[in-house]
Amino acid sequence: MPLAIDQAAVDPRRRVLDDDSPVLAELQALEARGVHVISCLTCLDYYGLTEQLAVGVIGGMPDIIAAQWGAQKVITL
């Protein structure tokens, strides 16, 4: 189950994918259950968060699009 999270679209000040994330435990639990969490490399680079990623993998737009096309359901937050 792929899950693409665009850090910038959520709100870069909230930093949902780094060590200070208020939802880090929940995202790690989803990942442990087989959900693929993909973060946008361009967005992470822009906000200087690439080295602080605490859950999931870094991908580009082709990775995110492939995940969305292959998903049974896409949820936008």
PDB file of N, CA and C in Angstrom:
ATOM      1  N   MET A   1       0.836  -1.180   0.000  1.00  0.00           N
ATOM      2  CA  MET A   1       0.000   0.000   0.000  1.00  0.00           C
ATOM      3  C   MET A   1       0.882   1.245   0.000  1.00  0.00           C
ATOM      4  N   PRO A   2       1.007   1.930  -1.122  1.00  0.00           N
ATOM      5  CA  PRO A   2       1.811   3.147  -1.137  1.00  0.00           C
ATOM      6  C   PRO A   2       1.065   4.330  -0.527  1.00  0.00           C
ATOM      7  N   LEU A   3       1.807   5.176   0.143  1.00  0.00           N
ATOM      8  CA  LEU A   3       1.269   6.407   0.706  1.00  0.00           C
ATOM      9  C   LEU A   3       2.258   7.509   0.369  1.00  0.00           C
ATOM     10  N   ALA A   4       1.832   8.464  -0.419  1.00  0.00           N
ATOM     11  CA  ALA A   4       2.709   9.573  -0.786  1.00  0.00           C
ATOM     12  C   ALA A   4       2.333  10.776   0.056  1.00  0.00           C
ATOM     13  N   ILE A   5       3.307  11.332   0.735  1.00  0.00           N
ATOM     14  CA  ILE A   5       3.073  12.522   1.538  1.00  0.00           C
ATOM     15  C   ILE A   5       3.969  13.622   1.018  1.00  0.00           C
ATOM     16  N   ASP A   6       3.367  14.705   0.591  1.00  0.00           N
ATOM     17  CA  ASP A   6       4.122  15.866   0.133  1.00  0.00           C
ATOM     18  C   ASP A   6       4.277  16.789   1.338  1.00  0.00           C
ATOM     19  N   GLN A   7       5.468  16.848   1.873  1.00  0.00           N
ATOM     20  CA  GLN A   7       5.748  17.655   3.071  1.00  0.00           C
ATOM     21  C   GLN A   7       5.266  19.094   2.897  1.00  0.00           C
ATOM     22  N   ALA A   8       5.496  19.675   1.725  1.00  0.00           N
ATOM     23  CA  ALA A   8       5.121  21.068   1.501  1.00  0.00           C
ATOM     24  C   ALA A   8       3.611  21.240   1.440  1.00  0.00           C
ATOM     25  N   ALA A   9       2.918  20.263   0.867  1.00  0.00           N
ATOM     26  CA  ALA A   9       1.465  20.379   0.751  1.00  0.00           C
ATOM     27  C   ALA A   9       0.797  20.290   2.105  1.00  0.00           C
ATOM     28  N   VAL A  10       1.390  19.538   3.017  1.00  0.00           N
ATOM     29  CA  VAL A  10       0.816  19.430   4.360  1.00  0.00           C
ATOM     30  C   VAL A  10       0.991  20.759   5.081  1.00  0.00           C
ATOM     31  N   ASP A  11       2.178  21.193   5.265  1.00  0.00           N
ATOM     32  CA  ASP A  11       2.553  22.481   5.842  1.00  0.00           C
ATOM     33  C   ASP A  11       3.993  22.315   6.324  1.00  0.00           C
ATOM     34  N   PRO A  12       4.934  22.960   5.665  1.00  0.00           N
ATOM     35  CA  PRO A  12       6.345  22.743   6.003  1.00  0.00           C
ATOM     36  C   PRO A  12       6.687  23.080   7.447  1.00  0.00           C
ATOM     37  N   ARG A  13       5.901  23.928   8.089  1.00  0.00           N
ATOM     38  CA  ARG A  13       6.180  24.273   9.484  1.00  0.00           C
ATOM     39  C   ARG A  13       5.813  23.135  10.426  1.00  0.00           C
ATOM     40  N   ARG A  14       4.931  22.259   9.997  1.00  0.00           N
ATOM     41  CA  ARG A  14       4.493  21.161  10.862  1.00  0.00           C
ATOM     42  C   ARG A  14       5.442  19.974  10.800  1.00  0.00           C
ATOM     43  N   ARG A  15       6.185  19.816   9.736  1.00  0.00           N
ATOM     44  CA  ARG A  15       7.217  18.798   9.595  1.00  0.00           C
ATOM     45  C   ARG A  15       6.716  17.430  10.041  1.00  0.00           C
ATOM     46  N   VAL A  16       5.797  16.879   9.299  1.00  0.00           N
ATOM     47  CA  VAL A  16       5.160  15.624   9.699  1.00  0.00           C
ATOM     48  C   VAL A  16       6.039  14.390   9.537  1.00  0.00           C
ATOM     49  N   LEU A  17       7.179  14.506   8.875  1.00  0.00           N
ATOM     50  CA  LEU A  17       7.984  13.323   8.600  1.00  0.00           C
ATOM     51  C   LEU A  17       9.334  13.306   9.301  1.00  0.00           C
ATOM     52  N   ASP A  18       9.593  14.242  10.184  1.00  0.00           N
ATOM     53  CA  ASP A  18      10.892  14.247  10.864  1.00  0.00           C
ATOM     54  C   ASP A  18      10.743  13.794  12.318  1.00  0.00           C
ATOM     55  N   ASP A  19      11.843  13.821  13.065  1.00  0.00           N
ATOM     56  CA  ASP A  19      11.850  13.324  14.444  1.00  0.00           C
ATOM     57  C   ASP A  19      10.920  14.085  15.381  1.00  0.00           C
ATOM     58  N   ASP A  20      10.583  15.330  15.048  1.00  0.00           N
ATOM     59  CA  ASP A  20       9.706  16.144  15.902  1.00  0.00           C
ATOM     60  C   ASP A  20       8.232  16.016  15.530  1.00  0.00           C
ATOM     61  N   SER A  21       7.907  15.132  14.625  1.00  0.00           N
ATOM     62  CA  SER A  21       6.539  14.999  14.138  1.00  0.00           C
ATOM     63  C   SER A  21       5.580  14.546  15.240  1.00  0.00           C
ATOM     64  N   PRO A  22       4.425  15.203  15.334  1.00  0.00           N
ATOM     65  CA  PRO A  22       3.435  14.765  16.316  1.00  0.00           C
ATOM     66  C   PRO A  22       2.739  13.470  15.901  1.00  0.00           C
ATOM     67  N   VAL A  23       2.920  13.045  14.658  1.00  0.00           N
ATOM     68  CA  VAL A  23       2.288  11.813  14.163  1.00  0.00           C
ATOM     69  C   VAL A  23       3.320  10.770  13.740  1.00  0.00           C
ATOM     70  N   LEU A  24       4.552  10.912  14.209  1.00  0.00           N
ATOM     71  CA  LEU A  24       5.620   9.994  13.811  1.00  0.00           C
ATOM     72  C   LEU A  24       5.291   8.549  14.177  1.00  0.00           C
ATOM     73  N   ALA A  25       4.825   8.313  15.362  1.00  0.00           N
ATOM     74  CA  ALA A  25       4.506   6.938  15.796  1.00  0.00           C
ATOM     75  C   ALA A  25       3.434   6.319  14.907  1.00  0.00           C
ATOM     76  N   GLU A  26       2.437   7.104  14.543  1.00  0.00           N
ATOM     77  CA  GLU A  26       1.356   6.598  13.690  1.00  0.00           C
ATOM     78  C   GLU A  26       1.881   6.274  12.296  1.00  0.00           C
ATOM     79  N   LEU A  27       2.731   7.148  11.744  1.00  0.00           N
ATOM     80  CA  LEU A  27       3.300   6.894  10.425  1.00  0.00           C
ATOM     81  C   LEU A  27       4.216   5.674  10.441  1.00  0.00           C
ATOM     82  N   GLN A  28       4.990   5.514  11.500  1.00  0.00           N
ATOM     83  CA  GLN A  28       5.846   4.333  11.623  1.00  0.00           C
ATOM     84  C   GLN A  28       5.014   3.060  11.749  1.00  0.00           C
ATOM     85  N   ALA A  29       3.887   3.142  12.458  1.00  0.00           N
ATOM     86  CA  ALA A  29       2.995   1.988  12.581  1.00  0.00           C
ATOM     87  C   ALA A  29       2.397   1.622  11.221  1.00  0.00           C
ATOM     88  N   LEU A  30       2.007   2.629  10.444  1.00  0.00           N
ATOM     89  CA  LEU A  30       1.499   2.362   9.093  1.00  0.00           C
ATOM     90  C   LEU A  30       2.571   1.707   8.233  1.00  0.00           C
ATOM     91  N   GLU A  31       3.787   2.233   8.320  1.00  0.00           N
ATOM     92  CA  GLU A  31       4.890   1.674   7.539  1.00  0.00           C
ATOM     93  C   GLU A  31       5.162   0.221   7.953  1.00  0.00           C
ATOM     94  N   ALA A  32       5.076  -0.073   9.235  1.00  0.00           N
ATOM     95  CA  ALA A  32       5.286  -1.432   9.732  1.00  0.00           C
ATOM     96  C   ALA A  32       4.215  -2.396   9.221  1.00  0.00           C
ATOM     97  N   ARG A  33       3.047  -1.855   8.887  1.00  0.00           N
ATOM     98  CA  ARG A  33       1.945  -2.680   8.367  1.00  0.00           C
ATOM     99  C   ARG A  33       1.982  -2.801   6.850  1.00  0.00           C
ATOM    100  N   GLY A  34       3.046  -2.272   6.224  1.00  0.00           N
ATOM    101  CA  GLY A  34       3.201  -2.438   4.785  1.00  0.00           C
ATOM    102  C   GLY A  34       2.872  -1.230   3.939  1.00  0.00           C
ATOM    103  N   VAL A  35       2.540  -0.114   4.573  1.00  0.00           N
ATOM    104  CA  VAL A  35       2.261   1.112   3.815  1.00  0.00           C
ATOM    105  C   VAL A  35       3.594   1.738   3.408  1.00  0.00           C
ATOM    106  N   HIS A  36       3.733   2.068   2.130  1.00  0.00           N
ATOM    107  CA  HIS A  36       4.946   2.707   1.624  1.00  0.00           C
ATOM    108  C   HIS A  36       4.769   4.224   1.716  1.00  0.00           C
ATOM    109  N   VAL A  37       5.538   4.867   2.553  1.00  0.00           N
ATOM    110  CA  VAL A  37       5.472   6.317   2.736  1.00  0.00           C
ATOM    111  C   VAL A  37       6.560   6.933   1.854  1.00  0.00           C
ATOM    112  N   ILE A  38       6.141   7.751   0.905  1.00  0.00           N
ATOM    113  CA  ILE A  38       7.064   8.364  -0.044  1.00  0.00           C
ATOM    114  C   ILE A  38       7.044   9.875   0.144  1.00  0.00           C
ATOM    115  N   SER A  39       8.219  10.465   0.321  1.00  0.00           N
ATOM    116  CA  SER A  39       8.335  11.918   0.471  1.00  0.00           C
ATOM    117  C   SER A  39       8.951  12.508  -0.783  1.00  0.00           C
ATOM    118  N   CYS A  40       8.457  13.643  -1.190  1.00  0.00           N
ATOM    119  CA  CYS A  40       8.922  14.338  -2.388  1.00  0.00           C
ATOM    120  C   CYS A  40      10.326  14.913  -2.158  1.00  0.00           C
ATOM    121  N   LEU A  41      11.293  14.483  -2.971  1.00  0.00           N
ATOM    122  CA  LEU A  41      12.672  14.956  -2.846  1.00  0.00           C
ATOM    123  C   LEU A  41      12.774  16.461  -3.065  1.00  0.00           C
ATOM    124  N   THR A  42      12.095  16.979  -4.061  1.00  0.00           N
ATOM    125  CA  THR A  42      12.157  18.410  -4.350  1.00  0.00           C
ATOM    126  C   THR A  42      11.667  19.232  -3.172  1.00  0.00           C
ATOM    127  N   CYS A  43      10.571  18.804  -2.563  1.00  0.00           N
ATOM    128  CA  CYS A  43      10.011  19.528  -1.416  1.00  0.00           C
ATOM    129  C   CYS A  43      10.935  19.440  -0.202  1.00  0.00           C
ATOM    130  N   LEU A  44      11.456  18.244   0.060  1.00  0.00           N
ATOM    131  CA  LEU A  44      12.378  18.085   1.186  1.00  0.00           C
ATOM    132  C   LEU A  44      13.622  18.947   1.006  1.00  0.00           C
ATOM    133  N   ASP A  45      14.177  18.961  -0.210  1.00  0.00           N
ATOM    134  CA  ASP A  45      15.355  19.792  -0.493  1.00  0.00           C
ATOM    135  C   ASP A  45      15.042  21.274  -0.299  1.00  0.00           C
ATOM    136  N   TYR A  46      13.902  21.704  -0.810  1.00  0.00           N
ATOM    137  CA  TYR A  46      13.530  23.115  -0.744  1.00  0.00           C
ATOM    138  C   TYR A  46      13.461  23.613   0.701  1.00  0.00           C
ATOM    139  N   TYR A  47      12.897  22.779   1.576  1.00  0.00           N
ATOM    140  CA  TYR A  47      12.747  23.176   2.973  1.00  0.00           C
ATOM    141  C   TYR A  47      13.898  22.719   3.863  1.00  0.00           C
ATOM    142  N   GLY A  48      14.927  22.111   3.275  1.00  0.00           N
ATOM    143  CA  GLY A  48      16.091  21.684   4.041  1.00  0.00           C
ATOM    144  C   GLY A  48      15.792  20.548   5.007  1.00  0.00           C
ATOM    145  N   LEU A  49      14.881  19.661   4.625  1.00  0.00           N
ATOM    146  CA  LEU A  49      14.455  18.586   5.524  1.00  0.00           C
ATOM    147  C   LEU A  49      14.949  17.206   5.091  1.00  0.00           C
ATOM    148  N   THR A  50      15.733  17.128   4.045  1.00  0.00           N
ATOM    149  CA  THR A  50      16.146  15.835   3.501  1.00  0.00           C
ATOM    150  C   THR A  50      16.856  14.971   4.537  1.00  0.00           C
ATOM    151  N   GLU A  51      17.749  15.559   5.310  1.00  0.00           N
ATOM    152  CA  GLU A  51      18.519  14.799   6.305  1.00  0.00           C
ATOM    153  C   GLU A  51      17.704  14.472   7.551  1.00  0.00           C
ATOM    154  N   GLN A  52      16.539  15.072   7.707  1.00  0.00           N
ATOM    155  CA  GLN A  52      15.745  14.886   8.923  1.00  0.00           C
ATOM    156  C   GLN A  52      14.589  13.905   8.748  1.00  0.00           C
ATOM    157  N   LEU A  53      14.506  13.295   7.582  1.00  0.00           N
ATOM    158  CA  LEU A  53      13.419  12.357   7.318  1.00  0.00           C
ATOM    159  C   LEU A  53      13.493  11.181   8.291  1.00  0.00           C
ATOM    160  N   ALA A  54      12.420  10.928   9.023  1.00  0.00           N
ATOM    161  CA  ALA A  54      12.412   9.894  10.061  1.00  0.00           C
ATOM    162  C   ALA A  54      11.563   8.685   9.693  1.00  0.00           C
ATOM    163  N   VAL A  55      10.788   8.781   8.629  1.00  0.00           N
ATOM    164  CA  VAL A  55       9.930   7.663   8.234  1.00  0.00           C
ATOM    165  C   VAL A  55       9.769   7.685   6.720  1.00  0.00           C
ATOM    166  N   GLY A  56       9.706   6.515   6.127  1.00  0.00           N
ATOM    167  CA  GLY A  56       9.487   6.403   4.702  1.00  0.00           C
ATOM    168  C   GLY A  56      10.754   6.549   3.880  1.00  0.00           C
ATOM    169  N   VAL A  57      10.540   6.729   2.575  1.00  0.00           N
ATOM    170  CA  VAL A  57      11.635   6.857   1.623  1.00  0.00           C
ATOM    171  C   VAL A  57      11.480   8.167   0.848  1.00  0.00           C
ATOM    172  N   ILE A  58      12.569   8.587   0.256  1.00  0.00           N
ATOM    173  CA  ILE A  58      12.555   9.786  -0.577  1.00  0.00           C
ATOM    174  C   ILE A  58      12.349   9.354  -2.021  1.00  0.00           C
ATOM    175  N   GLY A  59      11.440  10.023  -2.694  1.00  0.00           N
ATOM    176  CA  GLY A  59      11.161   9.708  -4.086  1.00  0.00           C
ATOM    177  C   GLY A  59      10.908  10.965  -4.882  1.00  0.00           C
ATOM    178  N   GLY A  60      10.878  10.798  -6.165  1.00  0.00           N
ATOM    179  CA  GLY A  60      10.571  11.911  -7.057  1.00  0.00           C
ATOM    180  C   GLY A  60       9.133  11.819  -7.539  1.00  0.00           C
ATOM    181  N   MET A  61       8.761  12.738  -8.386  1.00  0.00           N
ATOM    182  CA  MET A  61       7.396  12.763  -8.897  1.00  0.00           C
ATOM    183  C   MET A  61       7.027  11.465  -9.625  1.00  0.00           C
ATOM    184  N   PRO A  62       7.932  10.860 -10.405  1.00  0.00           N
ATOM    185  CA  PRO A  62       7.557   9.582 -11.033  1.00  0.00           C
ATOM    186  C   PRO A  62       7.216   8.492 -10.005  1.00  0.00           C
ATOM    187  N   ASP A  63       7.932   8.471  -8.886  1.00  0.00           N
ATOM    188  CA  ASP A  63       7.650   7.490  -7.828  1.00  0.00           C
ATOM    189  C   ASP A  63       6.280   7.738  -7.210  1.00  0.00           C
ATOM    190  N   ILE A  64       5.980   8.999  -6.973  1.00  0.00           N
ATOM    191  CA  ILE A  64       4.700   9.353  -6.342  1.00  0.00           C
ATOM    192  C   ILE A  64       3.540   9.057  -7.286  1.00  0.00           C
ATOM    193  N   ILE A  65       3.703   9.383  -8.562  1.00  0.00           N
ATOM    194  CA  ILE A  65       2.648   9.104  -9.542  1.00  0.00           C
ATOM    195  C   ILE A  65       2.429   7.596  -9.676  1.00  0.00           C
ATOM    196  N   ALA A  66       3.519   6.833  -9.747  1.00  0.00           N
ATOM    197  CA  ALA A  66       3.393   5.371  -9.845  1.00  0.00           C
ATOM    198  C   ALA A  66       2.676   4.809  -8.625  1.00  0.00           C
ATOM    199  N   ALA A  67       2.976   5.343  -7.449  1.00  0.00           N
ATOM    200  CA  ALA A  67       2.317   4.883  -6.227  1.00  0.00           C
ATOM    201  C   ALA A  67       0.824   5.189  -6.276  1.00  0.00           C
ATOM    202  N   GLN A  68       0.473   6.369  -6.760  1.00  0.00           N
ATOM    203  CA  GLN A  68      -0.940   6.736  -6.844  1.00  0.00           C
ATOM    204  C   GLN A  68      -1.672   5.877  -7.874  1.00  0.00           C
ATOM    205  N   TRP A  69      -1.042   5.627  -9.015  1.00  0.00           N
ATOM    206  CA  TRP A  69      -1.676   4.800 -10.044  1.00  0.00           C
ATOM    207  C   TRP A  69      -1.851   3.368  -9.570  1.00  0.00           C
ATOM    208  N   GLY A  70      -0.924   2.873  -8.757  1.00  0.00           N
ATOM    209  CA  GLY A  70      -0.992   1.502  -8.292  1.00  0.00           C
ATOM    210  C   GLY A  70      -1.834   1.299  -7.043  1.00  0.00           C
ATOM    211  N   ALA A  71      -2.257   2.381  -6.444  1.00  0.00           N
ATOM    212  CA  ALA A  71      -3.019   2.286  -5.194  1.00  0.00           C
ATOM    213  C   ALA A  71      -4.474   1.950  -5.452  1.00  0.00           C
ATOM    214  N   GLN A  72      -5.063   1.223  -4.532  1.00  0.00           N
ATOM    215  CA  GLN A  72      -6.501   0.942  -4.622  1.00  0.00           C
ATOM    216  C   GLN A  72      -7.295   2.173  -4.215  1.00  0.00           C
ATOM    217  N   LYS A  73      -6.697   3.013  -3.366  1.00  0.00           N
ATOM    218  CA  LYS A  73      -7.388   4.211  -2.894  1.00  0.00           C
ATOM    219  C   LYS A  73      -6.344   5.272  -2.578  1.00  0.00           C
ATOM    220  N   VAL A  74      -6.610   6.506  -2.961  1.00  0.00           N
ATOM    221  CA  VAL A  74      -5.723   7.634  -2.662  1.00  0.00           C
ATOM    222  C   VAL A  74      -6.466   8.578  -1.736  1.00  0.00           C
ATOM    223  N   ILE A  75      -5.826   8.926  -0.620  1.00  0.00           N
ATOM    224  CA  ILE A  75      -6.428   9.834   0.359  1.00  0.00           C
ATOM    225  C   ILE A  75      -5.622  11.116   0.366  1.00  0.00           C
ATOM    226  N   THR A  76      -6.266  12.239   0.201  1.00  0.00           N
ATOM    227  CA  THR A  76      -5.606  13.538   0.227  1.00  0.00           C
ATOM    228  C   THR A  76      -5.911  14.214   1.554  1.00  0.00           C
ATOM    229  N   LEU A  77      -4.872  14.620   2.266  1.00  0.00           N
ATOM    230  CA  LEU A  77      -5.056  15.305   3.546  1.00  0.00           C
ATOM    231  C   LEU A  77      -4.941  16.792   3.369  1.00  0.00           C
TER     232      LEU A  77
END
